């Protein structure tokens, strides 16, 4: 009998990745805490998760989200 693979939205290659608190993520992104909380509420910010009652971010997810923002076409009005 073989074990079934565990499927998750997050690749397992980041198992050694650093987990950051909300405040640490804000420092990395250079945005106020309120902005990151608002983005999380809207569902448009970087991927986050909870450990108990605490919001956490993987550093790799923050870098990937920043890269996506950089590569996004600019809306010129």
PDB file of N, CA and C in Angstrom:
ATOM      1  N   UNK A   1       0.840  -1.179   0.000  1.00  0.00           N
ATOM      2  CA  UNK A   1       0.000   0.000   0.000  1.00  0.00           C
ATOM      3  C   UNK A   1       0.885   1.242   0.000  1.00  0.00           C
ATOM      4  N   UNK A   2       0.593   2.194  -0.892  1.00  0.00           N
ATOM      5  CA  UNK A   2       1.381   3.420  -0.963  1.00  0.00           C
ATOM      6  C   UNK A   2       0.617   4.563  -0.331  1.00  0.00           C
ATOM      7  N   UNK A   3       1.348   5.482   0.231  1.00  0.00           N
ATOM      8  CA  UNK A   3       0.725   6.652   0.859  1.00  0.00           C
ATOM      9  C   UNK A   3       0.237   7.607  -0.217  1.00  0.00           C
ATOM     10  N   UNK A   4      -0.914   8.205   0.030  1.00  0.00           N
ATOM     11  CA  UNK A   4      -1.458   9.201  -0.887  1.00  0.00           C
ATOM     12  C   UNK A   4      -0.678  10.498  -0.721  1.00  0.00           C
ATOM     13  N   UNK A   5      -0.348  11.184  -1.824  1.00  0.00           N
ATOM     14  CA  UNK A   5       0.346  12.461  -1.687  1.00  0.00           C
ATOM     15  C   UNK A   5      -0.569  13.497  -1.051  1.00  0.00           C
ATOM     16  N   UNK A   6       0.024  14.357  -0.281  1.00  0.00           N
ATOM     17  CA  UNK A   6      -0.730  15.441   0.346  1.00  0.00           C
ATOM     18  C   UNK A   6      -0.754  16.606  -0.618  1.00  0.00           C
ATOM     19  N   UNK A   7      -1.952  17.071  -0.947  1.00  0.00           N
ATOM     20  CA  UNK A   7      -2.096  18.190  -1.870  1.00  0.00           C
ATOM     21  C   UNK A   7      -2.426  19.444  -1.074  1.00  0.00           C
ATOM     22  N   UNK A   8      -1.744  20.505  -1.390  1.00  0.00           N
ATOM     23  CA  UNK A   8      -2.045  21.798  -0.782  1.00  0.00           C
ATOM     24  C   UNK A   8      -1.834  22.869  -1.830  1.00  0.00           C
ATOM     25  N   UNK A   9      -2.326  24.047  -1.538  1.00  0.00           N
ATOM     26  CA  UNK A   9      -2.149  25.158  -2.466  1.00  0.00           C
ATOM     27  C   UNK A   9      -0.710  25.647  -2.457  1.00  0.00           C
ATOM     28  N   UNK A  10       0.018  25.323  -1.434  1.00  0.00           N
ATOM     29  CA  UNK A  10       1.376  25.806  -1.266  1.00  0.00           C
ATOM     30  C   UNK A  10       2.361  24.710  -1.640  1.00  0.00           C
ATOM     31  N   UNK A  11       3.317  25.016  -2.514  1.00  0.00           N
ATOM     32  CA  UNK A  11       4.298  23.991  -2.876  1.00  0.00           C
ATOM     33  C   UNK A  11       5.143  23.580  -1.682  1.00  0.00           C
ATOM     34  N   UNK A  12       5.500  22.304  -1.620  1.00  0.00           N
ATOM     35  CA  UNK A  12       6.292  21.813  -0.493  1.00  0.00           C
ATOM     36  C   UNK A  12       7.755  22.210  -0.594  1.00  0.00           C
ATOM     37  N   UNK A  13       8.172  22.805  -1.706  1.00  0.00           N
ATOM     38  CA  UNK A  13       9.569  23.199  -1.854  1.00  0.00           C
ATOM     39  C   UNK A  13       9.950  24.329  -0.921  1.00  0.00           C
ATOM     40  N   UNK A  14       8.966  24.989  -0.294  1.00  0.00           N
ATOM     41  CA  UNK A  14       9.253  26.119   0.581  1.00  0.00           C
ATOM     42  C   UNK A  14       9.223  25.726   2.053  1.00  0.00           C
ATOM     43  N   UNK A  15       9.413  24.449   2.363  1.00  0.00           N
ATOM     44  CA  UNK A  15       9.328  24.018   3.752  1.00  0.00           C
ATOM     45  C   UNK A  15      10.325  24.731   4.651  1.00  0.00           C
ATOM     46  N   UNK A  16      11.452  25.158   4.110  1.00  0.00           N
ATOM     47  CA  UNK A  16      12.427  25.888   4.899  1.00  0.00           C
ATOM     48  C   UNK A  16      12.205  27.382   4.872  1.00  0.00           C
ATOM     49  N   UNK A  17      11.108  27.826   4.287  1.00  0.00           N
ATOM     50  CA  UNK A  17      10.813  29.244   4.156  1.00  0.00           C
ATOM     51  C   UNK A  17      10.559  29.868   5.527  1.00  0.00           C
ATOM     52  N   UNK A  18      10.783  31.160   5.617  1.00  0.00           N
ATOM     53  CA  UNK A  18      10.598  31.877   6.874  1.00  0.00           C
ATOM     54  C   UNK A  18       9.159  32.361   7.006  1.00  0.00           C
ATOM     55  N   UNK A  19       8.554  32.093   8.153  1.00  0.00           N
ATOM     56  CA  UNK A  19       7.203  32.555   8.453  1.00  0.00           C
ATOM     57  C   UNK A  19       7.306  33.920   9.125  1.00  0.00           C
ATOM     58  N   UNK A  20       6.516  34.894   8.627  1.00  0.00           N
ATOM     59  CA  UNK A  20       6.581  36.259   9.135  1.00  0.00           C
ATOM     60  C   UNK A  20       5.269  36.667   9.785  1.00  0.00           C
ATOM     61  N   UNK A  21       5.370  37.497  10.803  1.00  0.00           N
ATOM     62  CA  UNK A  21       4.188  38.077  11.435  1.00  0.00           C
ATOM     63  C   UNK A  21       3.660  39.215  10.558  1.00  0.00           C
ATOM     64  N   UNK A  22       2.508  39.733  10.911  1.00  0.00           N
ATOM     65  CA  UNK A  22       1.926  40.858  10.180  1.00  0.00           C
ATOM     66  C   UNK A  22       2.881  42.053  10.181  1.00  0.00           C
ATOM     67  N   UNK A  23       3.460  42.340  11.326  1.00  0.00           N
ATOM     68  CA  UNK A  23       4.371  43.480  11.447  1.00  0.00           C
ATOM     69  C   UNK A  23       5.637  43.279  10.601  1.00  0.00           C
ATOM     70  N   UNK A  24       6.169  42.066  10.602  1.00  0.00           N
ATOM     71  CA  UNK A  24       7.352  41.776   9.794  1.00  0.00           C
ATOM     72  C   UNK A  24       7.037  41.873   8.304  1.00  0.00           C
ATOM     73  N   UNK A  25       5.853  41.399   7.912  1.00  0.00           N
ATOM     74  CA  UNK A  25       5.432  41.492   6.511  1.00  0.00           C
ATOM     75  C   UNK A  25       5.297  42.963   6.104  1.00  0.00           C
ATOM     76  N   UNK A  26       4.742  43.780   6.984  1.00  0.00           N
ATOM     77  CA  UNK A  26       4.611  45.218   6.708  1.00  0.00           C
ATOM     78  C   UNK A  26       5.970  45.862   6.497  1.00  0.00           C
ATOM     79  N   UNK A  27       6.939  45.502   7.312  1.00  0.00           N
ATOM     80  CA  UNK A  27       8.289  46.060   7.152  1.00  0.00           C
ATOM     81  C   UNK A  27       8.894  45.633   5.825  1.00  0.00           C
ATOM     82  N   UNK A  28       8.707  44.367   5.452  1.00  0.00           N
ATOM     83  CA  UNK A  28       9.252  43.873   4.197  1.00  0.00           C
ATOM     84  C   UNK A  28       8.605  44.579   3.004  1.00  0.00           C
ATOM     85  N   UNK A  29       7.280  44.741   3.053  1.00  0.00           N
ATOM     86  CA  UNK A  29       6.551  45.374   1.950  1.00  0.00           C
ATOM     87  C   UNK A  29       6.602  46.900   2.004  1.00  0.00           C
ATOM     88  N   UNK A  30       7.016  47.422   3.156  1.00  0.00           N
ATOM     89  CA  UNK A  30       7.086  48.877   3.390  1.00  0.00           C
ATOM     90  C   UNK A  30       5.723  49.536   3.232  1.00  0.00           C
ATOM     91  N   UNK A  31       4.727  48.921   3.886  1.00  0.00           N
ATOM     92  CA  UNK A  31       3.371  49.473   3.911  1.00  0.00           C
ATOM     93  C   UNK A  31       2.897  49.513   5.362  1.00  0.00           C
ATOM     94  N   UNK A  32       1.974  50.435   5.668  1.00  0.00           N
ATOM     95  CA  UNK A  32       1.422  50.466   7.030  1.00  0.00           C
ATOM     96  C   UNK A  32       0.613  49.204   7.330  1.00  0.00           C
ATOM     97  N   UNK A  33       0.517  48.879   8.600  1.00  0.00           N
ATOM     98  CA  UNK A  33      -0.214  47.693   9.034  1.00  0.00           C
ATOM     99  C   UNK A  33      -1.672  47.755   8.568  1.00  0.00           C
ATOM    100  N   UNK A  34      -2.278  48.929   8.641  1.00  0.00           N
ATOM    101  CA  UNK A  34      -3.667  49.084   8.207  1.00  0.00           C
ATOM    102  C   UNK A  34      -3.863  48.740   6.742  1.00  0.00           C
ATOM    103  N   UNK A  35      -2.883  49.076   5.915  1.00  0.00           N
ATOM    104  CA  UNK A  35      -2.967  48.768   4.487  1.00  0.00           C
ATOM    105  C   UNK A  35      -2.958  47.266   4.261  1.00  0.00           C
ATOM    106  N   UNK A  36      -2.063  46.572   4.926  1.00  0.00           N
ATOM    107  CA  UNK A  36      -1.976  45.121   4.752  1.00  0.00           C
ATOM    108  C   UNK A  36      -3.236  44.431   5.282  1.00  0.00           C
ATOM    109  N   UNK A  37      -3.770  44.937   6.389  1.00  0.00           N
ATOM    110  CA  UNK A  37      -5.023  44.384   6.925  1.00  0.00           C
ATOM    111  C   UNK A  37      -6.167  44.610   5.928  1.00  0.00           C
ATOM    112  N   UNK A  38      -6.209  45.786   5.316  1.00  0.00           N
ATOM    113  CA  UNK A  38      -7.262  46.098   4.347  1.00  0.00           C
ATOM    114  C   UNK A  38      -7.151  45.215   3.111  1.00  0.00           C
ATOM    115  N   UNK A  39      -5.931  45.054   2.593  1.00  0.00           N
ATOM    116  CA  UNK A  39      -5.726  44.175   1.441  1.00  0.00           C
ATOM    117  C   UNK A  39      -6.177  42.763   1.772  1.00  0.00           C
ATOM    118  N   UNK A  40      -5.871  42.316   2.984  1.00  0.00           N
ATOM    119  CA  UNK A  40      -6.269  40.969   3.404  1.00  0.00           C
ATOM    120  C   UNK A  40      -7.789  40.864   3.434  1.00  0.00           C
ATOM    121  N   UNK A  41      -8.464  41.883   3.955  1.00  0.00           N
ATOM    122  CA  UNK A  41      -9.927  41.929   4.003  1.00  0.00           C
ATOM    123  C   UNK A  41     -10.527  41.868   2.599  1.00  0.00           C
ATOM    124  N   UNK A  42      -9.933  42.601   1.655  1.00  0.00           N
ATOM    125  CA  UNK A  42     -10.422  42.614   0.276  1.00  0.00           C
ATOM    126  C   UNK A  42     -10.048  41.350  -0.494  1.00  0.00           C
ATOM    127  N   UNK A  43      -9.029  40.642  -0.011  1.00  0.00           N
ATOM    128  CA  UNK A  43      -8.551  39.450  -0.710  1.00  0.00           C
ATOM    129  C   UNK A  43      -7.646  39.770  -1.885  1.00  0.00           C
ATOM    130  N   UNK A  44      -7.072  40.971  -1.895  1.00  0.00           N
ATOM    131  CA  UNK A  44      -6.227  41.367  -3.031  1.00  0.00           C
ATOM    132  C   UNK A  44      -4.745  41.453  -2.667  1.00  0.00           C
ATOM    133  N   UNK A  45      -4.399  41.212  -1.433  1.00  0.00           N
ATOM    134  CA  UNK A  45      -3.004  41.298  -1.016  1.00  0.00           C
ATOM    135  C   UNK A  45      -2.306  39.957  -1.118  1.00  0.00           C
ATOM    136  N   UNK A  46      -1.118  39.873  -0.545  1.00  0.00           N
ATOM    137  CA  UNK A  46      -0.380  38.607  -0.569  1.00  0.00           C
ATOM    138  C   UNK A  46      -1.094  37.531   0.242  1.00  0.00           C
ATOM    139  N   UNK A  47      -0.840  36.287  -0.113  1.00  0.00           N
ATOM    140  CA  UNK A  47      -1.461  35.150   0.572  1.00  0.00           C
ATOM    141  C   UNK A  47      -1.043  35.128   2.038  1.00  0.00           C
ATOM    142  N   UNK A  48      -2.013  34.898   2.897  1.00  0.00           N
ATOM    143  CA  UNK A  48      -1.753  34.844   4.337  1.00  0.00           C
ATOM    144  C   UNK A  48      -2.479  33.635   4.917  1.00  0.00           C
ATOM    145  N   UNK A  49      -2.190  33.345   6.163  1.00  0.00           N
ATOM    146  CA  UNK A  49      -2.857  32.251   6.859  1.00  0.00           C
ATOM    147  C   UNK A  49      -2.823  32.549   8.341  1.00  0.00           C
ATOM    148  N   UNK A  50      -3.564  31.787   9.107  1.00  0.00           N
ATOM    149  CA  UNK A  50      -3.607  32.009  10.549  1.00  0.00           C
ATOM    150  C   UNK A  50      -2.990  30.834  11.290  1.00  0.00           C
ATOM    151  N   UNK A  51      -2.273  31.166  12.329  1.00  0.00           N
ATOM    152  CA  UNK A  51      -1.785  30.196  13.298  1.00  0.00           C
ATOM    153  C   UNK A  51      -2.475  30.585  14.598  1.00  0.00           C
ATOM    154  N   UNK A  52      -3.508  29.832  14.946  1.00  0.00           N
ATOM    155  CA  UNK A  52      -4.352  30.249  16.067  1.00  0.00           C
ATOM    156  C   UNK A  52      -5.083  31.526  15.671  1.00  0.00           C
ATOM    157  N   UNK A  53      -4.886  32.578  16.443  1.00  0.00           N
ATOM    158  CA  UNK A  53      -5.509  33.862  16.132  1.00  0.00           C
ATOM    159  C   UNK A  53      -4.562  34.806  15.407  1.00  0.00           C
ATOM    160  N   UNK A  54      -3.358  34.355  15.107  1.00  0.00           N
ATOM    161  CA  UNK A  54      -2.323  35.228  14.557  1.00  0.00           C
ATOM    162  C   UNK A  54      -2.176  35.056  13.047  1.00  0.00           C
ATOM    163  N   UNK A  55      -2.162  36.180  12.335  1.00  0.00           N
ATOM    164  CA  UNK A  55      -1.978  36.168  10.883  1.00  0.00           C
ATOM    165  C   UNK A  55      -0.492  36.005  10.591  1.00  0.00           C
ATOM    166  N   UNK A  56      -0.180  35.132   9.642  1.00  0.00           N
ATOM    167  CA  UNK A  56       1.206  34.879   9.246  1.00  0.00           C
ATOM    168  C   UNK A  56       1.333  34.892   7.735  1.00  0.00           C
ATOM    169  N   UNK A  57       2.543  35.133   7.274  1.00  0.00           N
ATOM    170  CA  UNK A  57       2.871  35.163   5.845  1.00  0.00           C
ATOM    171  C   UNK A  57       4.159  34.386   5.645  1.00  0.00           C
ATOM    172  N   UNK A  58       4.281  33.680   4.525  1.00  0.00           N
ATOM    173  CA  UNK A  58       5.548  33.081   4.139  1.00  0.00           C
ATOM    174  C   UNK A  58       6.322  34.137   3.356  1.00  0.00           C
ATOM    175  N   UNK A  59       7.588  34.317   3.667  1.00  0.00           N
ATOM    176  CA  UNK A  59       8.421  35.310   2.983  1.00  0.00           C
ATOM    177  C   UNK A  59       8.392  35.104   1.463  1.00  0.00           C
ATOM    178  N   UNK A  60       8.476  33.862   1.018  1.00  0.00           N
ATOM    179  CA  UNK A  60       8.467  33.571  -0.424  1.00  0.00           C
ATOM    180  C   UNK A  60       7.169  34.045  -1.077  1.00  0.00           C
ATOM    181  N   UNK A  61       6.023  33.916  -0.367  1.00  0.00           N
ATOM    182  CA  UNK A  61       4.752  34.389  -0.910  1.00  0.00           C
ATOM    183  C   UNK A  61       4.745  35.907  -1.061  1.00  0.00           C
ATOM    184  N   UNK A  62       5.361  36.606  -0.113  1.00  0.00           N
ATOM    185  CA  UNK A  62       5.433  38.071  -0.203  1.00  0.00           C
ATOM    186  C   UNK A  62       6.281  38.496  -1.399  1.00  0.00           C
ATOM    187  N   UNK A  63       7.418  37.836  -1.591  1.00  0.00           N
ATOM    188  CA  UNK A  63       8.289  38.151  -2.719  1.00  0.00           C
ATOM    189  C   UNK A  63       7.578  37.837  -4.032  1.00  0.00           C
ATOM    190  N   UNK A  64       6.882  36.701  -4.090  1.00  0.00           N
ATOM    191  CA  UNK A  64       6.153  36.329  -5.301  1.00  0.00           C
ATOM    192  C   UNK A  64       5.048  37.354  -5.590  1.00  0.00           C
ATOM    193  N   UNK A  65       4.331  37.798  -4.566  1.00  0.00           N
ATOM    194  CA  UNK A  65       3.267  38.778  -4.747  1.00  0.00           C
ATOM    195  C   UNK A  65       3.842  40.107  -5.246  1.00  0.00           C
ATOM    196  N   UNK A  66       4.963  40.524  -4.671  1.00  0.00           N
ATOM    197  CA  UNK A  66       5.619  41.757  -5.140  1.00  0.00           C
ATOM    198  C   UNK A  66       6.024  41.639  -6.605  1.00  0.00           C
ATOM    199  N   UNK A  67       6.546  40.500  -6.984  1.00  0.00           N
ATOM    200  CA  UNK A  67       6.938  40.264  -8.377  1.00  0.00           C
ATOM    201  C   UNK A  67       5.724  40.347  -9.290  1.00  0.00           C
ATOM    202  N   UNK A  68       4.611  39.764  -8.867  1.00  0.00           N
ATOM    203  CA  UNK A  68       3.376  39.837  -9.662  1.00  0.00           C
ATOM    204  C   UNK A  68       2.917  41.285  -9.817  1.00  0.00           C
ATOM    205  N   UNK A  69       3.049  42.081  -8.758  1.00  0.00           N
ATOM    206  CA  UNK A  69       2.651  43.491  -8.827  1.00  0.00           C
ATOM    207  C   UNK A  69       3.556  44.259  -9.788  1.00  0.00           C
ATOM    208  N   UNK A  70       4.825  43.927  -9.785  1.00  0.00           N
ATOM    209  CA  UNK A  70       5.792  44.579 -10.661  1.00  0.00           C
ATOM    210  C   UNK A  70       5.512  44.261 -12.119  1.00  0.00           C
ATOM    211  N   UNK A  71       5.109  43.025 -12.397  1.00  0.00           N
ATOM    212  CA  UNK A  71       4.881  42.578 -13.774  1.00  0.00           C
ATOM    213  C   UNK A  71       3.481  42.891 -14.293  1.00  0.00           C
ATOM    214  N   UNK A  72       2.604  43.387 -13.423  1.00  0.00           N
ATOM    215  CA  UNK A  72       1.232  43.719 -13.811  1.00  0.00           C
ATOM    216  C   UNK A  72       1.216  44.941 -14.722  1.00  0.00           C
ATOM    217  N   UNK A  73       0.395  44.926 -15.773  1.00  0.00           N
ATOM    218  CA  UNK A  73       0.300  46.117 -16.624  1.00  0.00           C
ATOM    219  C   UNK A  73      -0.232  47.296 -15.807  1.00  0.00           C
ATOM    220  N   UNK A  74       0.344  48.442 -16.035  1.00  0.00           N
ATOM    221  CA  UNK A  74      -0.059  49.648 -15.312  1.00  0.00           C
ATOM    222  C   UNK A  74      -1.315  50.231 -15.925  1.00  0.00           C
ATOM    223  N   UNK A  75      -2.211  50.712 -15.089  1.00  0.00           N
ATOM    224  CA  UNK A  75      -3.446  51.339 -15.538  1.00  0.00           C
ATOM    225  C   UNK A  75      -3.179  52.843 -15.646  1.00  0.00           C
ATOM    226  N   UNK A  76      -3.001  53.335 -16.855  1.00  0.00           N
ATOM    227  CA  UNK A  76      -2.732  54.758 -17.088  1.00  0.00           C
ATOM    228  C   UNK A  76      -4.031  55.456 -17.458  1.00  0.00           C
ATOM    229  N   UNK A  77      -4.470  56.363 -16.622  1.00  0.00           N
ATOM    230  CA  UNK A  77      -5.704  57.109 -16.903  1.00  0.00           C
ATOM    231  C   UNK A  77      -5.412  58.563 -17.060  1.00  0.00           C
TER     232      UNK A  77
END
